[in-house]
Amino acid sequence: MIRDLASTSASTTALSHDELFRKINALKKEMNALVLAHYYTVPEIQQVADIVGDSLALARAAEKNDADVIVFAGVYFMAETAKILNPAKLVLMPDARAGCPLADSCPAEEFRKFKAQYPGAIVITYINSTAEIKALSDITCTSSNAEQIIRQIPESQQIIFAPDKNLGGYIARKLKREMILWQGYCYVHEAFSERYILKICGEHPDAELIAHPECREEVLRHAAFIGSTKALLEHTVSSSAQQFIVATEPGILYEMQKRSPRKTFIPAPKDPDIPHSVCTQMKQNTLEKLYQCMLKRKPEIVINETLRLASLGSIRRMLEMSPA
């Protein structure tokens, strides 16, 4: 639930980036606020955030902090997760219209019926999901810890994995586990196709192809390294390769370049027949919106307590099964 959505409208007086940085930093001190941002947000948001990370790192940061206010520059399910973990704290979001089509592809009523077909199955749900889906799940996971969590499940135990079929399929193939997959996908990663990946690899023969497991199997089979956003980032630092073709949302290239300024990072091209390879929802977070939401203390994320408690268990189990 979003309270006071209209507050995301821009102010009438435009402020420079430097002015916005100063005002946001002042508000952070005044409010005792923690600003969390995902790697896929625009560079200036990453620059002003207290913590920049992938979904798992941000969930951990949301769980353990001394802030009175959490401002989440990401997409809606991320801020919702922060509120589930912090019912007494004010949780704000710069643009509450920044949703996640992957999460939206798994409606609760349809998933409830899907789940009922496999009464003995344990449900492991990607964090890119709504609170309603988390409430129907046994364990939440991220791309960073999905393999670690599934390895802890007995091989005799039937598993439903939702909503991302590509991530689920990748883990199933790697662990040689049969899993029942909900047929959702991330439109950003679905936009990479084998044809155009092979083309750019041919144009840059010395570059190493690295890919997020949300990509299609046809892309993953050509990757030298497959990993979560954080794993891809860490690999580019440790690898001896000097050039990388990066098959994930291009927002991560900012941090990659910052950590390895002498290396070359090439965003993998999308298939022209597929609309997007950039997460437009993440890019809806701007400095102006961040400032306005902190200044006005809205839009605020509000979750019904019954739903919050129902969804909390699967998140807690994830954090317990994948300690830092």
C-alpha atoms as a PDB file:
ATOM      1  CA  MET A   1       0.000   0.000   0.000  1.00  0.00           C
ATOM      2  CA  ILE A   2       1.241   3.490  -0.882  1.00  0.00           C
ATOM      3  CA  ARG A   3       0.325   6.526   1.153  1.00  0.00           C
ATOM      4  CA  ASP A   4       0.309  10.023  -0.454  1.00  0.00           C
ATOM      5  CA  LEU A   5       1.547   8.955  -3.879  1.00  0.00           C
ATOM      6  CA  ALA A   6       1.045  12.425  -5.366  1.00  0.00           C
ATOM      7  CA  SER A   7       3.983  13.769  -3.382  1.00  0.00           C
ATOM      8  CA  THR A   8       6.427  12.439  -5.974  1.00  0.00           C
ATOM      9  CA  SER A   9       5.718  15.360  -8.298  1.00  0.00           C
ATOM     10  CA  ALA A  10       8.698  17.595  -8.933  1.00  0.00           C
ATOM     11  CA  SER A  11       9.137  20.925  -7.178  1.00  0.00           C
ATOM     12  CA  THR A  12       8.549  24.114  -9.089  1.00  0.00           C
ATOM     13  CA  THR A  13      12.125  25.328  -8.616  1.00  0.00           C
ATOM     14  CA  ALA A  14      14.850  23.220 -10.198  1.00  0.00           C
ATOM     15  CA  LEU A  15      17.873  22.593  -8.016  1.00  0.00           C
ATOM     16  CA  SER A  16      21.347  21.677  -9.214  1.00  0.00           C
ATOM     17  CA  HIS A  17      22.811  18.269  -8.411  1.00  0.00           C
ATOM     18  CA  ASP A  18      25.192  19.835  -5.893  1.00  0.00           C
ATOM     19  CA  GLU A  19      22.327  21.589  -4.122  1.00  0.00           C
ATOM     20  CA  LEU A  20      20.298  18.397  -4.047  1.00  0.00           C
ATOM     21  CA  PHE A  21      23.252  16.451  -2.639  1.00  0.00           C
ATOM     22  CA  ARG A  22      23.643  19.028   0.147  1.00  0.00           C
ATOM     23  CA  LYS A  23      19.941  19.108   0.996  1.00  0.00           C
ATOM     24  CA  ILE A  24      19.594  15.317   0.957  1.00  0.00           C
ATOM     25  CA  ASN A  25      22.630  14.870   3.207  1.00  0.00           C
ATOM     26  CA  ALA A  26      21.259  17.487   5.603  1.00  0.00           C
ATOM     27  CA  LEU A  27      17.892  15.708   5.702  1.00  0.00           C
ATOM     28  CA  LYS A  28      19.592  12.390   6.384  1.00  0.00           C
ATOM     29  CA  LYS A  29      21.113  13.853   9.555  1.00  0.00           C
ATOM     30  CA  GLU A  30      17.954  15.666  10.573  1.00  0.00           C
ATOM     31  CA  MET A  31      15.734  12.590  10.123  1.00  0.00           C
ATOM     32  CA  ASN A  32      18.283   9.939  11.138  1.00  0.00           C
ATOM     33  CA  ALA A  33      17.532   8.417   7.750  1.00  0.00           C
ATOM     34  CA  LEU A  34      19.249   5.601   5.906  1.00  0.00           C
ATOM     35  CA  VAL A  35      19.178   5.822   2.106  1.00  0.00           C
ATOM     36  CA  LEU A  36      19.381   2.455   0.363  1.00  0.00           C
ATOM     37  CA  ALA A  37      19.866   2.180  -3.396  1.00  0.00           C
ATOM     38  CA  HIS A  38      20.106  -0.681  -5.862  1.00  0.00           C
ATOM     39  CA  TYR A  39      22.965  -0.979  -8.348  1.00  0.00           C
ATOM     40  CA  TYR A  40      20.490  -0.444 -11.192  1.00  0.00           C
ATOM     41  CA  THR A  41      19.570   3.107 -10.163  1.00  0.00           C
ATOM     42  CA  VAL A  42      21.124   6.102 -11.894  1.00  0.00           C
ATOM     43  CA  PRO A  43      24.699   7.047 -10.845  1.00  0.00           C
ATOM     44  CA  GLU A  44      23.744  10.173  -8.890  1.00  0.00           C
ATOM     45  CA  ILE A  45      21.378   8.142  -6.698  1.00  0.00           C
ATOM     46  CA  GLN A  46      24.168   5.656  -6.012  1.00  0.00           C
ATOM     47  CA  GLN A  47      26.485   8.544  -5.138  1.00  0.00           C
ATOM     48  CA  VAL A  48      24.188   9.953  -2.453  1.00  0.00           C
ATOM     49  CA  ALA A  49      23.042   6.628  -0.966  1.00  0.00           C
ATOM     50  CA  ASP A  50      24.421   5.309   2.313  1.00  0.00           C
ATOM     51  CA  ILE A  51      24.387   1.733   1.053  1.00  0.00           C
ATOM     52  CA  VAL A  52      24.334   0.550  -2.561  1.00  0.00           C
ATOM     53  CA  GLY A  53      23.836  -3.138  -3.170  1.00  0.00           C
ATOM     54  CA  ASP A  54      21.926  -6.016  -4.656  1.00  0.00           C
ATOM     55  CA  SER A  55      18.637  -7.313  -3.255  1.00  0.00           C
ATOM     56  CA  LEU A  56      20.232  -9.521  -0.602  1.00  0.00           C
ATOM     57  CA  ALA A  57      22.629  -6.870   0.684  1.00  0.00           C
ATOM     58  CA  LEU A  58      19.822  -4.322   0.825  1.00  0.00           C
ATOM     59  CA  ALA A  59      17.506  -6.738   2.654  1.00  0.00           C
ATOM     60  CA  ARG A  60      20.234  -7.297   5.243  1.00  0.00           C
ATOM     61  CA  ALA A  61      20.807  -3.553   5.537  1.00  0.00           C
ATOM     62  CA  ALA A  62      17.082  -3.001   5.991  1.00  0.00           C
ATOM     63  CA  GLU A  63      16.977  -5.659   8.698  1.00  0.00           C
ATOM     64  CA  LYS A  64      19.835  -4.342  10.832  1.00  0.00           C
ATOM     65  CA  ASN A  65      20.225  -0.591  11.178  1.00  0.00           C
ATOM     66  CA  ASP A  66      19.797   2.169  13.745  1.00  0.00           C
ATOM     67  CA  ALA A  67      17.917   4.574  11.486  1.00  0.00           C
ATOM     68  CA  ASP A  68      14.499   6.006  12.294  1.00  0.00           C
ATOM     69  CA  VAL A  69      13.675   6.367   8.601  1.00  0.00           C
ATOM     70  CA  ILE A  70      14.535   4.119   5.652  1.00  0.00           C
ATOM     71  CA  VAL A  71      14.438   5.687   2.201  1.00  0.00           C
ATOM     72  CA  PHE A  72      14.527   3.014  -0.472  1.00  0.00           C
ATOM     73  CA  ALA A  73      15.637   4.029  -3.962  1.00  0.00           C
ATOM     74  CA  GLY A  74      14.745   0.905  -5.864  1.00  0.00           C
ATOM     75  CA  VAL A  75      11.529  -0.734  -6.976  1.00  0.00           C
ATOM     76  CA  TYR A  76       8.411  -1.303  -4.924  1.00  0.00           C
ATOM     77  CA  PHE A  77       8.984  -4.853  -3.686  1.00  0.00           C
ATOM     78  CA  MET A  78      12.307  -3.724  -2.163  1.00  0.00           C
ATOM     79  CA  ALA A  79      10.742  -0.931  -0.116  1.00  0.00           C
ATOM     80  CA  GLU A  80       7.905  -3.286   0.807  1.00  0.00           C
ATOM     81  CA  THR A  81      10.442  -5.814   2.117  1.00  0.00           C
ATOM     82  CA  ALA A  82      12.084  -3.085   4.198  1.00  0.00           C
ATOM     83  CA  LYS A  83       8.713  -2.246   5.751  1.00  0.00           C
ATOM     84  CA  ILE A  84       7.974  -5.925   6.446  1.00  0.00           C
ATOM     85  CA  LEU A  85      11.240  -6.073   8.404  1.00  0.00           C
ATOM     86  CA  ASN A  86      10.719  -2.682  10.111  1.00  0.00           C
ATOM     87  CA  PRO A  87       7.063  -2.173  11.015  1.00  0.00           C
ATOM     88  CA  ALA A  88       7.800   0.654  13.470  1.00  0.00           C
ATOM     89  CA  LYS A  89       9.991   2.663  11.093  1.00  0.00           C
ATOM     90  CA  LEU A  90       8.961   5.185   8.499  1.00  0.00           C
ATOM     91  CA  VAL A  91       9.782   3.678   5.094  1.00  0.00           C
ATOM     92  CA  LEU A  92       9.771   6.064   2.148  1.00  0.00           C
ATOM     93  CA  MET A  93      10.237   5.600  -1.579  1.00  0.00           C
ATOM     94  CA  PRO A  94      11.162   8.369  -4.057  1.00  0.00           C
ATOM     95  CA  ASP A  95       8.711   7.112  -6.675  1.00  0.00           C
ATOM     96  CA  ALA A  96       6.203   4.548  -5.495  1.00  0.00           C
ATOM     97  CA  ARG A  97       5.133   3.986  -9.095  1.00  0.00           C
ATOM     98  CA  ALA A  98       8.478   2.240  -9.651  1.00  0.00           C
ATOM     99  CA  GLY A  99       7.170  -1.301  -9.720  1.00  0.00           C
ATOM    100  CA  CYS A 100       8.565  -4.604 -10.950  1.00  0.00           C
ATOM    101  CA  PRO A 101       6.909  -6.333 -13.933  1.00  0.00           C
ATOM    102  CA  LEU A 102       8.447  -9.640 -12.831  1.00  0.00           C
ATOM    103  CA  ALA A 103       6.721  -9.362  -9.456  1.00  0.00           C
ATOM    104  CA  ASP A 104       3.497  -8.294 -11.167  1.00  0.00           C
ATOM    105  CA  SER A 105       3.622 -11.365 -13.427  1.00  0.00           C
ATOM    106  CA  CYS A 106       2.719 -13.569 -10.459  1.00  0.00           C
ATOM    107  CA  PRO A 107      -0.748 -12.547  -9.167  1.00  0.00           C
ATOM    108  CA  ALA A 108      -1.540 -13.935  -5.718  1.00  0.00           C
ATOM    109  CA  GLU A 109      -4.827 -15.626  -6.618  1.00  0.00           C
ATOM    110  CA  GLU A 110      -3.335 -17.370  -9.650  1.00  0.00           C
ATOM    111  CA  PHE A 111      -0.310 -18.444  -7.666  1.00  0.00           C
ATOM    112  CA  ARG A 112      -2.503 -19.782  -4.851  1.00  0.00           C
ATOM    113  CA  LYS A 113      -4.264 -22.048  -7.367  1.00  0.00           C
ATOM    114  CA  PHE A 114      -0.916 -23.064  -8.892  1.00  0.00           C
ATOM    115  CA  LYS A 115       0.470 -23.937  -5.464  1.00  0.00           C
ATOM    116  CA  ALA A 116      -2.627 -26.006  -4.606  1.00  0.00           C
ATOM    117  CA  GLN A 117      -1.798 -28.396  -7.468  1.00  0.00           C
ATOM    118  CA  TYR A 118       1.343 -29.501  -5.575  1.00  0.00           C
ATOM    119  CA  PRO A 119       0.269 -29.866  -1.924  1.00  0.00           C
ATOM    120  CA  GLY A 120       3.519 -31.514  -0.825  1.00  0.00           C
ATOM    121  CA  ALA A 121       5.840 -28.940  -2.388  1.00  0.00           C
ATOM    122  CA  ILE A 122       7.871 -26.360  -0.545  1.00  0.00           C
ATOM    123  CA  VAL A 123       7.615 -22.892  -2.087  1.00  0.00           C
ATOM    124  CA  ILE A 124      10.815 -20.917  -2.643  1.00  0.00           C
ATOM    125  CA  THR A 125      10.127 -17.474  -3.994  1.00  0.00           C
ATOM    126  CA  TYR A 126      12.489 -14.977  -5.534  1.00  0.00           C
ATOM    127  CA  ILE A 127      12.548 -11.710  -3.598  1.00  0.00           C
ATOM    128  CA  ASN A 128      11.293  -9.991  -6.781  1.00  0.00           C
ATOM    129  CA  SER A 129       7.743 -10.694  -5.655  1.00  0.00           C
ATOM    130  CA  THR A 130       4.901  -9.026  -3.803  1.00  0.00           C
ATOM    131  CA  ALA A 131       4.204  -9.338  -0.091  1.00  0.00           C
ATOM    132  CA  GLU A 132       1.147 -11.455  -0.982  1.00  0.00           C
ATOM    133  CA  ILE A 133       3.364 -13.978  -2.795  1.00  0.00           C
ATOM    134  CA  LYS A 134       5.901 -13.997   0.037  1.00  0.00           C
ATOM    135  CA  ALA A 135       3.017 -14.775   2.397  1.00  0.00           C
ATOM    136  CA  LEU A 136       2.227 -17.851   0.286  1.00  0.00           C
ATOM    137  CA  SER A 137       5.863 -18.967   0.345  1.00  0.00           C
ATOM    138  CA  ASP A 138       8.021 -20.979   2.704  1.00  0.00           C
ATOM    139  CA  ILE A 139      11.344 -19.306   1.891  1.00  0.00           C
ATOM    140  CA  THR A 140      12.315 -16.161   0.018  1.00  0.00           C
ATOM    141  CA  CYS A 141      15.589 -16.078  -1.914  1.00  0.00           C
ATOM    142  CA  THR A 142      17.670 -13.784  -4.087  1.00  0.00           C
ATOM    143  CA  SER A 143      19.908 -14.569  -7.041  1.00  0.00           C
ATOM    144  CA  SER A 144      22.829 -14.339  -4.587  1.00  0.00           C
ATOM    145  CA  ASN A 145      21.604 -17.072  -2.264  1.00  0.00           C
ATOM    146  CA  ALA A 146      19.108 -19.181  -4.253  1.00  0.00           C
ATOM    147  CA  GLU A 147      21.636 -21.961  -4.853  1.00  0.00           C
ATOM    148  CA  GLN A 148      22.808 -21.897  -1.228  1.00  0.00           C
ATOM    149  CA  ILE A 149      19.226 -22.188   0.033  1.00  0.00           C
ATOM    150  CA  ILE A 150      18.129 -24.927  -2.377  1.00  0.00           C
ATOM    151  CA  ARG A 151      21.203 -27.014  -1.496  1.00  0.00           C
ATOM    152  CA  GLN A 152      19.796 -27.128   2.053  1.00  0.00           C
ATOM    153  CA  ILE A 153      16.501 -28.653   0.898  1.00  0.00           C
ATOM    154  CA  PRO A 154      16.450 -32.493   0.842  1.00  0.00           C
ATOM    155  CA  GLU A 155      16.570 -33.879  -2.688  1.00  0.00           C
ATOM    156  CA  SER A 156      13.377 -35.833  -2.017  1.00  0.00           C
ATOM    157  CA  GLN A 157      11.493 -32.611  -1.310  1.00  0.00           C
ATOM    158  CA  GLN A 158       9.447 -31.239  -4.200  1.00  0.00           C
ATOM    159  CA  ILE A 159      10.116 -27.528  -4.840  1.00  0.00           C
ATOM    160  CA  ILE A 160       8.008 -24.828  -6.453  1.00  0.00           C
ATOM    161  CA  PHE A 161      10.192 -21.925  -7.601  1.00  0.00           C
ATOM    162  CA  ALA A 162       8.614 -18.597  -8.522  1.00  0.00           C
ATOM    163  CA  PRO A 163       8.318 -16.234 -10.246  1.00  0.00           C
ATOM    164  CA  ASP A 164      11.447 -16.195 -12.485  1.00  0.00           C
ATOM    165  CA  LYS A 165      11.633 -19.246 -14.756  1.00  0.00           C
ATOM    166  CA  ASN A 166      15.140 -18.408 -16.005  1.00  0.00           C
ATOM    167  CA  LEU A 167      16.714 -18.164 -12.563  1.00  0.00           C
ATOM    168  CA  GLY A 168      14.831 -21.262 -11.435  1.00  0.00           C
ATOM    169  CA  GLY A 169      15.854 -23.159 -14.558  1.00  0.00           C
ATOM    170  CA  TYR A 170      19.504 -22.181 -14.120  1.00  0.00           C
ATOM    171  CA  ILE A 171      19.578 -23.427 -10.516  1.00  0.00           C
ATOM    172  CA  ALA A 172      17.708 -26.624 -11.460  1.00  0.00           C
ATOM    173  CA  ARG A 173      20.222 -27.417 -14.200  1.00  0.00           C
ATOM    174  CA  LYS A 174      23.225 -26.602 -12.045  1.00  0.00           C
ATOM    175  CA  LEU A 175      22.062 -28.675  -9.072  1.00  0.00           C
ATOM    176  CA  LYS A 176      20.405 -31.356 -11.228  1.00  0.00           C
ATOM    177  CA  ARG A 177      17.171 -30.818  -9.312  1.00  0.00           C
ATOM    178  CA  GLU A 178      13.689 -31.037 -10.730  1.00  0.00           C
ATOM    179  CA  MET A 179      11.713 -27.937  -9.782  1.00  0.00           C
ATOM    180  CA  ILE A 180       8.243 -26.758 -10.658  1.00  0.00           C
ATOM    181  CA  LEU A 181       8.688 -23.331 -12.235  1.00  0.00           C
ATOM    182  CA  TRP A 182       6.251 -20.445 -12.417  1.00  0.00           C
ATOM    183  CA  GLN A 183       6.656 -19.023 -15.917  1.00  0.00           C
ATOM    184  CA  GLY A 184       7.590 -15.425 -15.111  1.00  0.00           C
ATOM    185  CA  TYR A 185      10.646 -13.558 -16.332  1.00  0.00           C
ATOM    186  CA  CYS A 186      12.484 -10.251 -16.039  1.00  0.00           C
ATOM    187  CA  TYR A 187      11.934  -8.264 -19.236  1.00  0.00           C
ATOM    188  CA  VAL A 188      15.397  -6.702 -18.935  1.00  0.00           C
ATOM    189  CA  HIS A 189      17.221 -10.036 -19.015  1.00  0.00           C
ATOM    190  CA  GLU A 190      14.802 -11.631 -21.469  1.00  0.00           C
ATOM    191  CA  ALA A 191      15.891  -8.952 -23.972  1.00  0.00           C
ATOM    192  CA  PHE A 192      19.276 -10.623 -24.458  1.00  0.00           C
ATOM    193  CA  SER A 193      19.233 -13.242 -27.218  1.00  0.00           C
ATOM    194  CA  GLU A 194      21.838 -15.726 -28.408  1.00  0.00           C
ATOM    195  CA  ARG A 195      22.067 -14.194 -31.888  1.00  0.00           C
ATOM    196  CA  TYR A 196      23.092 -10.727 -30.718  1.00  0.00           C
ATOM    197  CA  ILE A 197      25.242 -12.024 -27.877  1.00  0.00           C
ATOM    198  CA  LEU A 198      27.283 -14.084 -30.340  1.00  0.00           C
ATOM    199  CA  LYS A 199      27.523 -11.089 -32.652  1.00  0.00           C
ATOM    200  CA  ILE A 200      29.019  -8.783 -30.015  1.00  0.00           C
ATOM    201  CA  CYS A 201      31.306 -11.557 -28.748  1.00  0.00           C
ATOM    202  CA  GLY A 202      32.618 -11.853 -32.290  1.00  0.00           C
ATOM    203  CA  GLU A 203      33.217  -8.100 -32.421  1.00  0.00           C
ATOM    204  CA  HIS A 204      35.134  -8.209 -29.099  1.00  0.00           C
ATOM    205  CA  PRO A 205      36.975 -11.554 -29.094  1.00  0.00           C
ATOM    206  CA  ASP A 206      39.140 -10.622 -26.106  1.00  0.00           C
ATOM    207  CA  ALA A 207      36.162  -9.709 -23.919  1.00  0.00           C
ATOM    208  CA  GLU A 208      34.756 -12.072 -21.320  1.00  0.00           C
ATOM    209  CA  LEU A 209      30.980 -12.576 -21.411  1.00  0.00           C
ATOM    210  CA  ILE A 210      29.418 -12.456 -17.953  1.00  0.00           C
ATOM    211  CA  ALA A 211      25.687 -12.900 -17.367  1.00  0.00           C
ATOM    212  CA  HIS A 212      23.008 -12.755 -14.704  1.00  0.00           C
ATOM    213  CA  PRO A 213      21.101 -16.044 -14.197  1.00  0.00           C
ATOM    214  CA  GLU A 214      17.836 -14.266 -15.060  1.00  0.00           C
ATOM    215  CA  CYS A 215      19.029 -14.407 -18.688  1.00  0.00           C
ATOM    216  CA  ARG A 216      17.719 -17.061 -21.033  1.00  0.00           C
ATOM    217  CA  GLU A 217      19.493 -20.438 -21.145  1.00  0.00           C
ATOM    218  CA  GLU A 218      20.598 -19.756 -24.734  1.00  0.00           C
ATOM    219  CA  VAL A 219      22.609 -16.770 -23.455  1.00  0.00           C
ATOM    220  CA  LEU A 220      23.917 -18.431 -20.297  1.00  0.00           C
ATOM    221  CA  ARG A 221      25.475 -21.315 -22.194  1.00  0.00           C
ATOM    222  CA  HIS A 222      27.973 -18.887 -23.771  1.00  0.00           C
ATOM    223  CA  ALA A 223      28.895 -17.027 -20.562  1.00  0.00           C
ATOM    224  CA  ALA A 224      32.340 -17.395 -19.022  1.00  0.00           C
ATOM    225  CA  PHE A 225      30.857 -16.441 -15.666  1.00  0.00           C
ATOM    226  CA  ILE A 226      27.261 -16.490 -14.359  1.00  0.00           C
ATOM    227  CA  GLY A 227      26.285 -14.801 -11.131  1.00  0.00           C
ATOM    228  CA  SER A 228      24.109 -12.400  -9.209  1.00  0.00           C
ATOM    229  CA  THR A 229      24.598  -8.663  -9.560  1.00  0.00           C
ATOM    230  CA  LYS A 230      27.043  -8.659  -6.661  1.00  0.00           C
ATOM    231  CA  ALA A 231      28.847 -11.750  -7.946  1.00  0.00           C
ATOM    232  CA  LEU A 232      29.245 -10.210 -11.398  1.00  0.00           C
ATOM    233  CA  LEU A 233      30.669  -7.065  -9.839  1.00  0.00           C
ATOM    234  CA  GLU A 234      33.140  -8.952  -7.671  1.00  0.00           C
ATOM    235  CA  HIS A 235      34.180 -11.129 -10.615  1.00  0.00           C
ATOM    236  CA  THR A 236      35.113  -8.099 -12.716  1.00  0.00           C
ATOM    237  CA  VAL A 237      37.414  -6.954  -9.923  1.00  0.00           C
ATOM    238  CA  SER A 238      39.137 -10.299  -9.401  1.00  0.00           C
ATOM    239  CA  SER A 239      39.281 -11.531 -13.003  1.00  0.00           C
ATOM    240  CA  SER A 240      42.453 -11.065 -15.028  1.00  0.00           C
ATOM    241  CA  ALA A 241      40.307 -10.171 -18.051  1.00  0.00           C
ATOM    242  CA  GLN A 242      40.509  -6.541 -19.135  1.00  0.00           C
ATOM    243  CA  GLN A 243      37.276  -6.400 -21.141  1.00  0.00           C
ATOM    244  CA  PHE A 244      33.806  -7.630 -20.227  1.00  0.00           C
ATOM    245  CA  ILE A 245      30.533  -7.948 -22.101  1.00  0.00           C
ATOM    246  CA  VAL A 246      27.942  -7.560 -19.355  1.00  0.00           C
ATOM    247  CA  ALA A 247      24.564  -9.247 -19.810  1.00  0.00           C
ATOM    248  CA  THR A 248      22.527  -7.656 -17.072  1.00  0.00           C
ATOM    249  CA  GLU A 249      20.922  -4.283 -16.388  1.00  0.00           C
ATOM    250  CA  PRO A 250      23.509  -1.661 -17.429  1.00  0.00           C
ATOM    251  CA  GLY A 251      23.191   0.344 -14.209  1.00  0.00           C
ATOM    252  CA  ILE A 252      25.794  -1.963 -12.675  1.00  0.00           C
ATOM    253  CA  LEU A 253      28.417  -0.724 -15.146  1.00  0.00           C
ATOM    254  CA  TYR A 254      28.774   2.477 -13.105  1.00  0.00           C
ATOM    255  CA  GLU A 255      30.042   0.556 -10.061  1.00  0.00           C
ATOM    256  CA  MET A 256      32.092  -1.819 -12.195  1.00  0.00           C
ATOM    257  CA  GLN A 257      33.903   1.073 -13.840  1.00  0.00           C
ATOM    258  CA  LYS A 258      34.392   2.801 -10.499  1.00  0.00           C
ATOM    259  CA  ARG A 259      36.026  -0.279  -8.993  1.00  0.00           C
ATOM    260  CA  SER A 260      38.081  -1.151 -12.074  1.00  0.00           C
ATOM    261  CA  PRO A 261      38.750   2.141 -13.898  1.00  0.00           C
ATOM    262  CA  ARG A 262      41.319   0.619 -16.261  1.00  0.00           C
ATOM    263  CA  LYS A 263      39.033  -2.138 -17.488  1.00  0.00           C
ATOM    264  CA  THR A 264      36.494  -1.911 -20.308  1.00  0.00           C
ATOM    265  CA  PHE A 265      32.811  -2.747 -19.818  1.00  0.00           C
ATOM    266  CA  ILE A 266      30.495  -3.299 -22.766  1.00  0.00           C
ATOM    267  CA  PRO A 267      26.738  -3.532 -22.172  1.00  0.00           C
ATOM    268  CA  ALA A 268      25.332  -6.586 -23.917  1.00  0.00           C
ATOM    269  CA  PRO A 269      23.050  -5.546 -26.788  1.00  0.00           C
ATOM    270  CA  LYS A 270      19.352  -6.267 -26.621  1.00  0.00           C
ATOM    271  CA  ASP A 271      17.453  -8.103 -29.316  1.00  0.00           C
ATOM    272  CA  PRO A 272      15.860  -5.311 -31.428  1.00  0.00           C
ATOM    273  CA  ASP A 273      12.609  -7.275 -31.501  1.00  0.00           C
ATOM    274  CA  ILE A 274      12.373  -7.142 -27.684  1.00  0.00           C
ATOM    275  CA  PRO A 275      11.415  -3.729 -26.260  1.00  0.00           C
ATOM    276  CA  HIS A 276      13.713  -3.172 -23.287  1.00  0.00           C
ATOM    277  CA  SER A 277      17.063  -4.130 -21.786  1.00  0.00           C
ATOM    278  CA  VAL A 278      17.041  -1.270 -19.267  1.00  0.00           C
ATOM    279  CA  CYS A 279      14.948  -1.295 -16.089  1.00  0.00           C
ATOM    280  CA  THR A 280      12.948   1.875 -16.615  1.00  0.00           C
ATOM    281  CA  GLN A 281      11.371   1.457 -13.190  1.00  0.00           C
ATOM    282  CA  MET A 282      14.737   1.698 -11.427  1.00  0.00           C
ATOM    283  CA  LYS A 283      15.533   4.811 -13.439  1.00  0.00           C
ATOM    284  CA  GLN A 284      12.374   6.486 -12.100  1.00  0.00           C
ATOM    285  CA  ASN A 285      14.355   7.198  -8.920  1.00  0.00           C
ATOM    286  CA  THR A 286      15.864  10.678  -9.336  1.00  0.00           C
ATOM    287  CA  LEU A 287      17.650  13.067  -7.000  1.00  0.00           C
ATOM    288  CA  GLU A 288      14.733  15.495  -7.124  1.00  0.00           C
ATOM    289  CA  LYS A 289      12.242  12.767  -6.180  1.00  0.00           C
ATOM    290  CA  LEU A 290      14.549  11.537  -3.423  1.00  0.00           C
ATOM    291  CA  TYR A 291      14.805  15.022  -1.979  1.00  0.00           C
ATOM    292  CA  GLN A 292      11.064  15.654  -2.197  1.00  0.00           C
ATOM    293  CA  CYS A 293      10.113  12.397  -0.531  1.00  0.00           C
ATOM    294  CA  MET A 294      12.489  13.073   2.362  1.00  0.00           C
ATOM    295  CA  LEU A 295      11.364  16.678   2.672  1.00  0.00           C
ATOM    296  CA  LYS A 296       7.652  15.775   2.725  1.00  0.00           C
ATOM    297  CA  ARG A 297       7.985  12.373   4.433  1.00  0.00           C
ATOM    298  CA  LYS A 298       5.990  10.705   1.685  1.00  0.00           C
ATOM    299  CA  PRO A 299       5.131   8.579  -0.236  1.00  0.00           C
ATOM    300  CA  GLU A 300       5.182   6.172   2.661  1.00  0.00           C
ATOM    301  CA  ILE A 301       5.042   2.393   2.399  1.00  0.00           C
ATOM    302  CA  VAL A 302       2.258   0.991   4.581  1.00  0.00           C
ATOM    303  CA  ILE A 303       1.492  -2.731   4.949  1.00  0.00           C
ATOM    304  CA  ASN A 304      -1.469  -4.363   6.654  1.00  0.00           C
ATOM    305  CA  GLU A 305      -0.176  -6.059   9.815  1.00  0.00           C
ATOM    306  CA  THR A 306      -1.789  -9.400   9.011  1.00  0.00           C
ATOM    307  CA  LEU A 307      -0.108  -9.462   5.611  1.00  0.00           C
ATOM    308  CA  ARG A 308       3.174  -8.231   7.074  1.00  0.00           C
ATOM    309  CA  LEU A 309       3.337 -11.053   9.599  1.00  0.00           C
ATOM    310  CA  ALA A 310       2.338 -13.632   6.985  1.00  0.00           C
ATOM    311  CA  SER A 311       5.117 -12.518   4.636  1.00  0.00           C
ATOM    312  CA  LEU A 312       7.758 -12.000   7.324  1.00  0.00           C
ATOM    313  CA  GLY A 313       8.365 -15.707   7.902  1.00  0.00           C
ATOM    314  CA  SER A 314       9.680 -16.474   4.410  1.00  0.00           C
ATOM    315  CA  ILE A 315      12.053 -13.487   4.560  1.00  0.00           C
ATOM    316  CA  ARG A 316      13.319 -14.435   8.007  1.00  0.00           C
ATOM    317  CA  ARG A 317      13.985 -17.995   6.840  1.00  0.00           C
ATOM    318  CA  MET A 318      15.998 -16.651   3.913  1.00  0.00           C
ATOM    319  CA  LEU A 319      18.178 -14.549   6.194  1.00  0.00           C
ATOM    320  CA  GLU A 320      18.650 -17.464   8.607  1.00  0.00           C
ATOM    321  CA  MET A 321      19.610 -19.863   5.800  1.00  0.00           C
ATOM    322  CA  SER A 322      22.103 -17.494   4.197  1.00  0.00           C
ATOM    323  CA  PRO A 323      23.984 -15.744   6.988  1.00  0.00           C
ATOM    324  CA  ALA A 324      26.330 -12.946   5.972  1.00  0.00           C
END
